[in-house]
Amino acid sequence: MIEIQPVQHIDAAIEVPGSKSLTQRALIAASLAKGTSTLSGPLESDDTRYSSEALMQMGVVMDKGKEWVIHGKAGLIEPSSEPIYLGNNGTATRFLTSVASLGNGNFLIDGDARMHQRPIGPLLVALRGWGVDISATKGTDCPPLAIEGRGLAGGTTILPEGKSSQYLSSLLLVAPYARMPCVLRVQGEVLSKPYVAMTLSVMDAFGIAVDCSSDFSSFSIPQGCYRAREYQIEGDASNASYFWAAAAVTGGRVTVTNVPVPSLQGDAMLVPLLGRMGCEVSRSGNGITLQGTNRLEGIRVDMGDMPDVVPTLAVVAAFAHGRTVIENIAHLRIKECDRLSAVVAELTKLGVKVEEQDAAMIIHGEGGAGLRGAVIETYEDHRMAMSLAVAGLRIPGVQITGEECVAKSFPDFWVRFSLLAPG
């Protein structure tokens, strides 16, 4: 357990680790490429360790130091005699399921108890449309997954829902290696569109250009092989959000030095939302500076494209004046925990007036008046730990349990968070 100490003044410049989302996408593209790639600024964390170890089980050779050197397999995936265990890494589980489908042989994709509850059925349906023999071994449409790999046939397939952009990104990343050119159609609303755009950007950087409709409902993916290259990974905007939020709730100033403008990451759009609440935003070198204000105002916002920073915004909203309505967030319920319910529960402990709806939450801010310290449960979810820590910068007595869960995406978070306190 760690107790957060309130601060009176913040004026800090912080560098955050590399983007988890970009690291995992670039890692797969480099592993499937022909030749040797170098990833600069990658994130070393539990999640990226699961991803890289899984790829090594499939025959990829890599040297991981400050930079990662990936010796690509040109799309040749070796079967693994042991289960490919991915913990509670939802991105890797969805991505590596498709990567394994490129192989010839048997694969078992597995994870921890929470991963056994996280749905993956739509991805299975789409892969079967490309000729993959894949099943959920427990009949639940959740991992573990058994694959009898014979490669991808290609042609046209349908993803029956777009609620998780990870299904879509997973399919796109492997489609160039099918035996026929691929067409992918998506039914229903595509959520988290910036993550799909990120995937397309990484594919393009490694030499594969995808044609798609403006609403991301249809994609045409050419056959080809990724080209090896050097690739620079941006600082993680999701992890930067906690430092921008710290400036917002304390009226301080924080520069995150390595999230560029423009950014490939949709979560960087949290910054303009904080601007709508009253903060001042400026560009500083290769980073973004946020200056807090003495009065935050509530806002209404659709966060369908930015689910990972919903907890961050909710914490800031607890210190605003008036209602903040955060809509279109039902997909938070299938994250590392049911984040919608968890955020509501933990904010309520702090004395925040907050309502939970099926796909929304409403925070009734009173400028932080009447809030109290509490022991915060993290639900083994890194984003719960880091976002609720921000509240402790204003409220005495906020204690975070299970604080080690930040290792999933930001292993030295507590060290860098401590840099916000002067002296």
Protein backbone atom coordinates (compact mmCIF):
# COMPACT_ATOMS: atom_id res chain seq x y z
CA MET A 1 0.00 0.00 0.00
CA ILE A 2 1.22 3.49 -0.83
CA GLU A 3 -0.11 6.77 0.57
CA ILE A 4 -0.14 9.77 -1.74
CA GLN A 5 1.05 13.04 -0.24
CA PRO A 6 -0.86 16.20 -1.21
CA VAL A 7 1.20 18.92 -2.90
CA GLN A 8 0.77 22.68 -2.80
CA HIS A 9 2.61 23.53 -6.01
CA ILE A 10 3.62 21.59 -9.12
CA ASP A 11 5.98 22.82 -11.82
CA ALA A 12 7.60 19.82 -13.46
CA ALA A 13 8.88 18.39 -16.74
CA ILE A 14 8.34 14.64 -17.06
CA GLU A 15 9.37 12.10 -19.67
CA VAL A 16 7.07 9.08 -19.92
CA PRO A 17 7.96 5.61 -21.23
CA GLY A 18 7.24 4.65 -24.83
CA SER A 19 3.69 4.05 -25.97
CA LYS A 20 2.43 0.57 -25.07
CA SER A 21 0.07 0.56 -28.04
CA LEU A 22 2.73 1.60 -30.54
CA THR A 23 5.31 -0.78 -29.05
CA GLN A 24 3.03 -3.79 -29.43
CA ARG A 25 2.01 -2.90 -33.02
CA ALA A 26 5.55 -2.13 -34.16
CA LEU A 27 6.82 -5.28 -32.46
CA ILE A 28 4.44 -7.43 -34.51
CA ALA A 29 5.15 -5.62 -37.79
CA ALA A 30 8.90 -5.94 -37.23
CA SER A 31 8.56 -9.62 -36.31
CA LEU A 32 6.61 -10.31 -39.52
CA ALA A 33 8.94 -8.16 -41.67
CA LYS A 34 11.73 -9.36 -43.90
CA GLY A 35 15.03 -8.24 -42.42
CA THR A 36 16.20 -6.65 -39.19
CA SER A 37 14.33 -3.74 -37.59
CA THR A 38 15.30 -1.45 -34.73
CA LEU A 39 12.65 -0.05 -32.37
CA SER A 40 13.79 3.09 -30.54
CA GLY A 41 12.09 4.14 -27.29
CA PRO A 42 9.99 0.97 -26.79
CA LEU A 43 8.12 0.35 -23.56
CA GLU A 44 9.59 -2.34 -21.33
CA SER A 45 6.72 -3.53 -19.11
CA ASP A 46 4.81 -6.66 -18.17
CA ASP A 47 2.53 -6.35 -21.19
CA THR A 48 5.29 -5.87 -23.75
CA ARG A 49 7.27 -8.69 -22.13
CA TYR A 50 4.34 -11.04 -22.68
CA SER A 51 4.12 -9.92 -26.32
CA SER A 52 7.83 -10.28 -27.04
CA GLU A 53 8.15 -13.65 -25.28
CA ALA A 54 5.18 -14.97 -27.24
CA LEU A 55 6.76 -13.90 -30.52
CA MET A 56 10.02 -15.55 -29.49
CA GLN A 57 8.05 -18.76 -28.83
CA MET A 58 6.94 -18.47 -32.46
CA GLY A 59 10.54 -18.33 -33.67
CA VAL A 60 11.29 -14.60 -33.75
CA VAL A 61 14.79 -13.62 -32.60
CA MET A 62 15.22 -10.29 -30.85
CA ASP A 63 17.82 -8.44 -28.82
CA LYS A 64 16.27 -6.19 -26.18
CA GLY A 65 18.37 -3.40 -24.73
CA LYS A 66 17.68 0.32 -24.74
CA GLU A 67 16.69 -0.29 -28.35
CA TRP A 68 15.05 -3.49 -29.52
CA VAL A 69 16.56 -5.23 -32.52
CA ILE A 70 14.02 -7.54 -34.17
CA HIS A 71 15.10 -10.16 -36.71
CA GLY A 72 11.95 -10.55 -38.77
CA LYS A 73 10.65 -13.89 -40.02
CA ALA A 74 9.06 -12.63 -43.26
CA GLY A 75 5.72 -13.98 -42.07
CA LEU A 76 6.95 -17.48 -41.21
CA ILE A 77 5.52 -18.46 -37.82
CA GLU A 78 6.80 -21.56 -36.02
CA PRO A 79 4.42 -23.68 -33.92
CA SER A 80 4.96 -23.71 -30.16
CA SER A 81 5.02 -26.92 -28.14
CA GLU A 82 4.07 -24.96 -25.01
CA PRO A 83 0.97 -22.78 -24.44
CA ILE A 84 1.47 -19.13 -25.31
CA TYR A 85 0.67 -17.44 -22.00
CA LEU A 86 -0.24 -13.75 -22.14
CA GLY A 87 -1.44 -12.94 -18.61
CA ASN A 88 -4.13 -10.25 -18.67
CA ASN A 89 -2.71 -8.56 -21.76
CA GLY A 90 -5.83 -8.11 -23.85
CA THR A 91 -4.03 -6.41 -26.74
CA ALA A 92 -1.43 -9.15 -27.04
CA THR A 93 -4.01 -11.92 -26.70
CA ARG A 94 -6.05 -10.51 -29.57
CA PHE A 95 -3.02 -9.66 -31.73
CA LEU A 96 -1.09 -12.88 -31.14
CA THR A 97 -4.17 -14.99 -31.84
CA SER A 98 -4.10 -13.73 -35.42
CA VAL A 99 -0.32 -14.02 -35.66
CA ALA A 100 -0.51 -17.67 -34.57
CA SER A 101 -3.08 -18.25 -37.31
CA LEU A 102 -0.34 -17.59 -39.87
CA GLY A 103 1.57 -20.64 -38.69
CA ASN A 104 1.38 -24.28 -39.71
CA GLY A 105 0.79 -26.39 -36.61
CA ASN A 106 -1.03 -26.27 -33.30
CA PHE A 107 -1.10 -23.31 -30.92
CA LEU A 108 -2.78 -22.73 -27.55
CA ILE A 109 -3.30 -19.08 -26.56
CA ASP A 110 -3.89 -18.71 -22.81
CA GLY A 111 -4.00 -16.07 -20.08
CA ASP A 112 -4.86 -15.50 -16.43
CA ALA A 113 -8.26 -15.86 -14.76
CA ARG A 114 -9.43 -12.38 -15.82
CA MET A 115 -8.39 -13.05 -19.43
CA HIS A 116 -10.65 -16.12 -19.31
CA GLN A 117 -13.55 -13.67 -18.81
CA ARG A 118 -12.64 -11.21 -21.57
CA PRO A 119 -14.55 -11.80 -24.82
CA ILE A 120 -12.86 -12.58 -28.10
CA GLY A 121 -15.71 -14.23 -30.02
CA PRO A 122 -15.98 -11.63 -32.84
CA LEU A 123 -12.31 -12.12 -33.68
CA LEU A 124 -12.79 -15.88 -33.90
CA VAL A 125 -15.71 -15.43 -36.29
CA ALA A 126 -13.65 -13.18 -38.58
CA LEU A 127 -10.62 -15.50 -38.56
CA ARG A 128 -12.83 -18.45 -39.46
CA GLY A 129 -13.97 -16.40 -42.45
CA TRP A 130 -10.35 -16.42 -43.60
CA GLY A 131 -10.17 -20.20 -43.19
CA VAL A 132 -8.67 -20.47 -39.69
CA ASP A 133 -9.53 -23.51 -37.55
CA ILE A 134 -9.89 -21.85 -34.14
CA SER A 135 -12.02 -22.52 -31.05
CA ALA A 136 -12.41 -21.40 -27.45
CA THR A 137 -11.58 -24.50 -25.45
CA LYS A 138 -14.10 -23.75 -22.69
CA GLY A 139 -16.90 -22.86 -25.11
CA THR A 140 -17.21 -19.35 -23.66
CA ASP A 141 -15.92 -17.20 -26.56
CA CYS A 142 -13.05 -16.28 -24.21
CA PRO A 143 -9.52 -17.72 -23.95
CA PRO A 144 -7.99 -20.28 -23.84
CA LEU A 145 -7.98 -20.62 -27.63
CA ALA A 146 -6.91 -23.64 -29.70
CA ILE A 147 -5.63 -23.01 -33.22
CA GLU A 148 -4.82 -25.63 -35.85
CA GLY A 149 -2.77 -23.36 -38.05
CA ARG A 150 -2.73 -23.69 -41.82
CA GLY A 151 -2.15 -20.03 -42.63
CA LEU A 152 -4.73 -17.50 -43.77
CA ALA A 153 -6.77 -18.25 -46.88
CA GLY A 154 -7.75 -14.61 -47.32
CA GLY A 155 -10.68 -13.34 -49.36
CA THR A 156 -13.57 -11.53 -47.69
CA THR A 157 -14.50 -11.90 -44.04
CA ILE A 158 -16.79 -10.05 -41.64
CA LEU A 159 -16.01 -8.82 -38.15
CA PRO A 160 -19.44 -8.97 -36.49
CA GLU A 161 -18.80 -6.03 -34.15
CA GLY A 162 -16.34 -3.18 -33.78
CA LYS A 163 -16.70 -2.57 -30.04
CA SER A 164 -13.09 -3.57 -29.46
CA SER A 165 -10.72 -1.96 -31.94
CA GLN A 166 -8.21 -4.64 -30.96
CA TYR A 167 -10.13 -7.25 -32.97
CA LEU A 168 -9.89 -5.04 -36.03
CA SER A 169 -6.23 -4.15 -35.55
CA SER A 170 -5.37 -7.81 -34.99
CA LEU A 171 -6.88 -8.82 -38.33
CA LEU A 172 -5.32 -5.91 -40.23
CA LEU A 173 -1.80 -6.63 -38.99
CA VAL A 174 -1.72 -10.19 -40.38
CA ALA A 175 -3.89 -9.78 -43.49
CA PRO A 176 -1.00 -9.05 -45.92
CA TYR A 177 0.25 -12.61 -45.42
CA ALA A 178 -2.91 -14.39 -46.60
CA ARG A 179 -2.87 -16.57 -49.70
CA MET A 180 -5.36 -14.21 -51.40
CA PRO A 181 -5.85 -10.45 -51.05
CA CYS A 182 -8.07 -9.71 -48.05
CA VAL A 183 -11.23 -7.70 -47.67
CA LEU A 184 -12.47 -7.02 -44.14
CA ARG A 185 -15.92 -5.64 -43.39
CA VAL A 186 -17.04 -4.50 -39.93
CA GLN A 187 -20.63 -4.61 -38.70
CA GLY A 188 -21.86 -2.08 -36.14
CA GLU A 189 -20.13 0.97 -34.71
CA VAL A 190 -16.33 0.99 -34.65
CA LEU A 191 -15.16 2.29 -31.27
CA SER A 192 -11.68 3.54 -30.39
CA LYS A 193 -11.07 4.61 -34.00
CA PRO A 194 -7.74 6.33 -33.18
CA TYR A 195 -6.30 2.91 -32.31
CA VAL A 196 -7.30 1.61 -35.75
CA ALA A 197 -5.71 4.67 -37.35
CA MET A 198 -2.57 3.95 -35.32
CA THR A 199 -2.47 0.38 -36.65
CA LEU A 200 -2.82 1.61 -40.24
CA SER A 201 -0.02 4.13 -39.64
CA VAL A 202 2.34 1.46 -38.31
CA MET A 203 1.49 -0.85 -41.24
CA ASP A 204 2.19 1.98 -43.67
CA ALA A 205 5.49 2.77 -41.95
CA PHE A 206 6.53 -0.85 -42.49
CA GLY A 207 5.51 -0.79 -46.15
CA ILE A 208 1.88 -1.94 -46.36
CA ALA A 209 -0.76 0.61 -47.41
CA VAL A 210 -4.41 -0.30 -46.69
CA ASP A 211 -7.43 1.12 -48.50
CA CYS A 212 -10.36 1.77 -46.18
CA SER A 213 -13.67 3.57 -45.93
CA SER A 214 -13.83 6.82 -43.98
CA ASP A 215 -15.89 5.20 -41.20
CA PHE A 216 -13.55 2.17 -40.90
CA SER A 217 -16.35 -0.23 -41.88
CA SER A 218 -14.51 -1.71 -44.87
CA PHE A 219 -10.84 -2.45 -45.58
CA SER A 220 -8.97 -3.79 -48.57
CA ILE A 221 -5.55 -5.16 -47.63
CA PRO A 222 -3.00 -6.03 -50.32
CA GLN A 223 -0.75 -9.06 -50.17
CA GLY A 224 2.80 -8.27 -49.23
CA CYS A 225 5.55 -8.46 -46.64
CA TYR A 226 6.50 -5.76 -44.15
CA ARG A 227 9.86 -4.13 -44.79
CA ALA A 228 12.36 -3.90 -41.96
CA ARG A 229 13.20 -0.39 -40.77
CA GLU A 230 14.19 1.79 -37.84
CA TYR A 231 11.10 2.97 -35.97
CA GLN A 232 10.83 5.63 -33.25
CA ILE A 233 8.11 5.10 -30.64
CA GLU A 234 6.36 8.12 -29.11
CA GLY A 235 5.99 8.59 -25.36
CA ASP A 236 2.79 6.99 -24.06
CA ALA A 237 -0.09 9.49 -24.08
CA SER A 238 -2.25 7.29 -21.82
CA ASN A 239 0.47 7.31 -19.19
CA ALA A 240 1.12 11.00 -19.75
CA SER A 241 -2.52 11.68 -18.89
CA TYR A 242 -1.87 11.26 -15.16
CA PHE A 243 0.71 14.04 -15.18
CA TRP A 244 -1.45 16.44 -17.18
CA ALA A 245 -4.29 15.61 -14.77
CA ALA A 246 -1.99 16.37 -11.85
CA ALA A 247 -1.49 19.88 -13.21
CA ALA A 248 -5.23 20.26 -13.77
CA VAL A 249 -6.34 19.32 -10.24
CA THR A 250 -3.60 21.27 -8.42
CA GLY A 251 -3.54 24.38 -10.61
CA GLY A 252 0.10 23.57 -11.37
CA ARG A 253 2.14 23.23 -14.52
CA VAL A 254 3.42 20.01 -16.09
CA THR A 255 5.27 19.44 -19.35
CA VAL A 256 5.35 15.91 -20.75
CA THR A 257 8.43 16.18 -22.92
CA ASN A 258 8.03 13.25 -25.34
CA VAL A 259 4.41 13.15 -26.54
CA PRO A 260 4.53 15.07 -29.83
CA VAL A 261 2.02 17.29 -31.58
CA PRO A 262 0.47 15.83 -33.65
CA SER A 263 0.49 12.41 -32.00
CA LEU A 264 -0.45 9.02 -33.45
CA GLN A 265 -2.23 8.33 -30.14
CA GLY A 266 -5.87 9.22 -29.68
CA ASP A 267 -5.43 9.54 -25.92
CA ALA A 268 -3.45 12.75 -26.49
CA MET A 269 -6.86 14.29 -27.20
CA LEU A 270 -7.46 14.32 -23.45
CA VAL A 271 -5.41 17.53 -23.41
CA PRO A 272 -7.97 19.58 -25.40
CA LEU A 273 -10.68 18.25 -23.08
CA LEU A 274 -8.74 19.59 -20.09
CA GLY A 275 -8.52 22.83 -22.03
CA ARG A 276 -12.31 22.88 -22.28
CA MET A 277 -12.41 22.51 -18.50
CA GLY A 278 -10.33 25.68 -18.10
CA CYS A 279 -6.68 24.65 -18.36
CA GLU A 280 -4.14 26.30 -20.68
CA VAL A 281 -2.37 24.10 -23.22
CA SER A 282 0.83 24.86 -25.13
CA ARG A 283 3.39 23.03 -27.19
CA SER A 284 6.87 22.79 -25.70
CA GLY A 285 9.61 21.35 -27.93
CA ASN A 286 8.59 17.76 -28.66
CA GLY A 287 6.09 17.76 -25.82
CA ILE A 288 2.90 19.25 -24.43
CA THR A 289 2.58 21.62 -21.45
CA LEU A 290 -0.61 21.93 -19.40
CA GLN A 291 -1.15 24.79 -16.96
CA GLY A 292 -3.90 24.20 -14.43
CA THR A 293 -6.50 26.72 -13.34
CA ASN A 294 -8.08 27.80 -10.07
CA ARG A 295 -11.52 26.80 -11.36
CA LEU A 296 -12.27 23.71 -13.45
CA GLU A 297 -15.65 23.45 -15.17
CA GLY A 298 -17.59 20.25 -15.89
CA ILE A 299 -18.06 19.14 -19.50
CA ARG A 300 -20.09 16.65 -21.52
CA VAL A 301 -18.03 14.34 -23.73
CA ASP A 302 -18.28 11.16 -25.82
CA MET A 303 -15.25 9.04 -24.85
CA GLY A 304 -15.91 6.12 -27.20
CA ASP A 305 -12.54 6.73 -28.88
CA MET A 306 -10.53 7.26 -25.67
CA PRO A 307 -11.53 4.56 -23.17
CA ASP A 308 -8.15 4.30 -21.44
CA VAL A 309 -8.21 7.90 -20.21
CA VAL A 310 -11.79 7.83 -18.91
CA PRO A 311 -10.58 7.14 -15.33
CA THR A 312 -8.19 10.10 -15.61
CA LEU A 313 -10.91 12.47 -16.79
CA ALA A 314 -13.30 11.20 -14.11
CA VAL A 315 -10.79 12.03 -11.37
CA VAL A 316 -10.27 15.54 -12.77
CA ALA A 317 -14.05 15.98 -12.97
CA ALA A 318 -14.29 15.31 -9.22
CA PHE A 319 -12.51 18.66 -8.69
CA ALA A 320 -14.53 20.59 -11.27
CA HIS A 321 -17.62 22.72 -10.73
CA GLY A 322 -20.82 21.30 -12.17
CA ARG A 323 -21.70 18.09 -13.97
CA THR A 324 -19.31 16.13 -16.13
CA VAL A 325 -21.08 13.56 -18.31
CA ILE A 326 -18.85 10.88 -19.84
CA GLU A 327 -20.75 8.95 -22.49
CA ASN A 328 -20.32 5.95 -24.83
CA ILE A 329 -18.07 3.98 -22.48
CA ALA A 330 -19.77 0.57 -22.19
CA HIS A 331 -16.57 -1.01 -23.54
CA LEU A 332 -14.82 -0.10 -20.26
CA ARG A 333 -16.58 -3.11 -18.77
CA ILE A 334 -14.35 -5.57 -20.70
CA LYS A 335 -11.02 -4.01 -19.75
CA GLU A 336 -8.63 -5.36 -17.09
CA CYS A 337 -11.59 -4.95 -14.75
CA ASP A 338 -15.07 -3.48 -15.17
CA ARG A 339 -13.59 0.00 -15.18
CA LEU A 340 -16.90 1.79 -15.35
CA SER A 341 -18.17 0.26 -12.11
CA ALA A 342 -14.73 0.36 -10.48
CA VAL A 343 -14.20 4.08 -11.09
CA VAL A 344 -17.65 4.87 -9.73
CA ALA A 345 -17.05 2.75 -6.63
CA GLU A 346 -13.67 4.26 -5.80
CA LEU A 347 -14.69 7.86 -6.44
CA THR A 348 -17.68 7.29 -4.18
CA LYS A 349 -15.30 6.23 -1.39
CA LEU A 350 -13.64 9.63 -1.73
CA GLY A 351 -16.98 11.39 -1.27
CA VAL A 352 -17.54 12.21 -4.95
CA LYS A 353 -21.15 12.33 -6.09
CA VAL A 354 -21.15 10.08 -9.15
CA GLU A 355 -23.80 8.11 -11.04
CA GLU A 356 -23.24 4.91 -13.01
CA GLN A 357 -25.27 4.16 -16.12
CA ASP A 358 -25.02 1.28 -18.58
CA ALA A 359 -22.73 3.19 -20.93
CA ALA A 360 -21.99 6.42 -19.08
CA MET A 361 -21.03 8.03 -15.79
CA ILE A 362 -22.06 11.41 -14.42
CA ILE A 363 -19.80 13.21 -11.94
CA HIS A 364 -21.38 16.02 -9.92
CA GLY A 365 -18.37 18.19 -9.13
CA GLU A 366 -18.26 20.66 -6.29
CA GLY A 367 -14.75 21.94 -6.84
CA GLY A 368 -13.31 19.22 -4.61
CA ALA A 369 -15.23 20.42 -1.54
CA GLY A 370 -16.04 17.78 1.07
CA LEU A 371 -13.82 15.05 -0.36
CA ARG A 372 -12.06 12.70 2.04
CA GLY A 373 -9.22 10.21 2.07
CA ALA A 374 -9.86 6.50 1.61
CA VAL A 375 -8.17 3.19 0.87
CA ILE A 376 -8.45 2.70 -2.89
CA GLU A 377 -8.89 -0.75 -4.41
CA THR A 378 -7.12 -1.13 -7.77
CA TYR A 379 -8.76 -4.39 -8.97
CA GLU A 380 -5.29 -5.39 -10.26
CA ASP A 381 -5.80 -2.70 -12.93
CA HIS A 382 -2.89 -0.36 -13.66
CA ARG A 383 -5.11 2.49 -14.87
CA MET A 384 -7.16 2.44 -11.67
CA ALA A 385 -4.00 2.80 -9.57
CA MET A 386 -2.49 5.64 -11.59
CA SER A 387 -5.65 7.68 -12.10
CA LEU A 388 -6.79 7.53 -8.46
CA ALA A 389 -3.29 8.50 -7.33
CA VAL A 390 -3.96 11.90 -8.91
CA ALA A 391 -6.81 12.49 -6.44
CA GLY A 392 -4.31 12.10 -3.59
CA LEU A 393 -2.45 15.19 -4.74
CA ARG A 394 -5.40 17.22 -3.42
CA ILE A 395 -7.02 14.96 -0.82
CA PRO A 396 -5.05 13.94 2.30
CA GLY A 397 -5.15 10.26 3.23
CA VAL A 398 -5.56 8.61 -0.18
CA GLN A 399 -3.96 5.17 0.01
CA ILE A 400 -3.51 2.93 -3.05
CA THR A 401 -3.57 -0.84 -2.50
CA GLY A 402 -2.02 -3.29 -4.95
CA GLU A 403 0.12 -0.46 -6.30
CA GLU A 404 2.50 -2.91 -8.00
CA CYS A 405 -0.09 -3.44 -10.76
CA VAL A 406 1.38 -0.39 -12.57
CA ALA A 407 4.12 -2.75 -13.83
CA LYS A 408 1.69 -3.76 -16.58
CA SER A 409 2.34 -0.55 -18.50
CA PHE A 410 4.50 1.84 -16.42
CA PRO A 411 6.93 -0.03 -14.12
CA ASP A 412 8.55 3.08 -12.58
CA PHE A 413 5.36 5.12 -12.34
CA TRP A 414 5.67 5.75 -8.59
CA VAL A 415 9.23 7.05 -9.01
CA ARG A 416 8.21 9.49 -11.73
CA PHE A 417 5.01 10.47 -9.91
CA SER A 418 7.11 11.43 -6.88
CA LEU A 419 8.94 13.97 -9.09
CA LEU A 420 5.79 16.12 -9.00
CA ALA A 421 6.48 17.06 -5.38
CA PRO A 422 9.03 19.90 -5.13
CA GLY A 423 12.24 19.15 -3.31
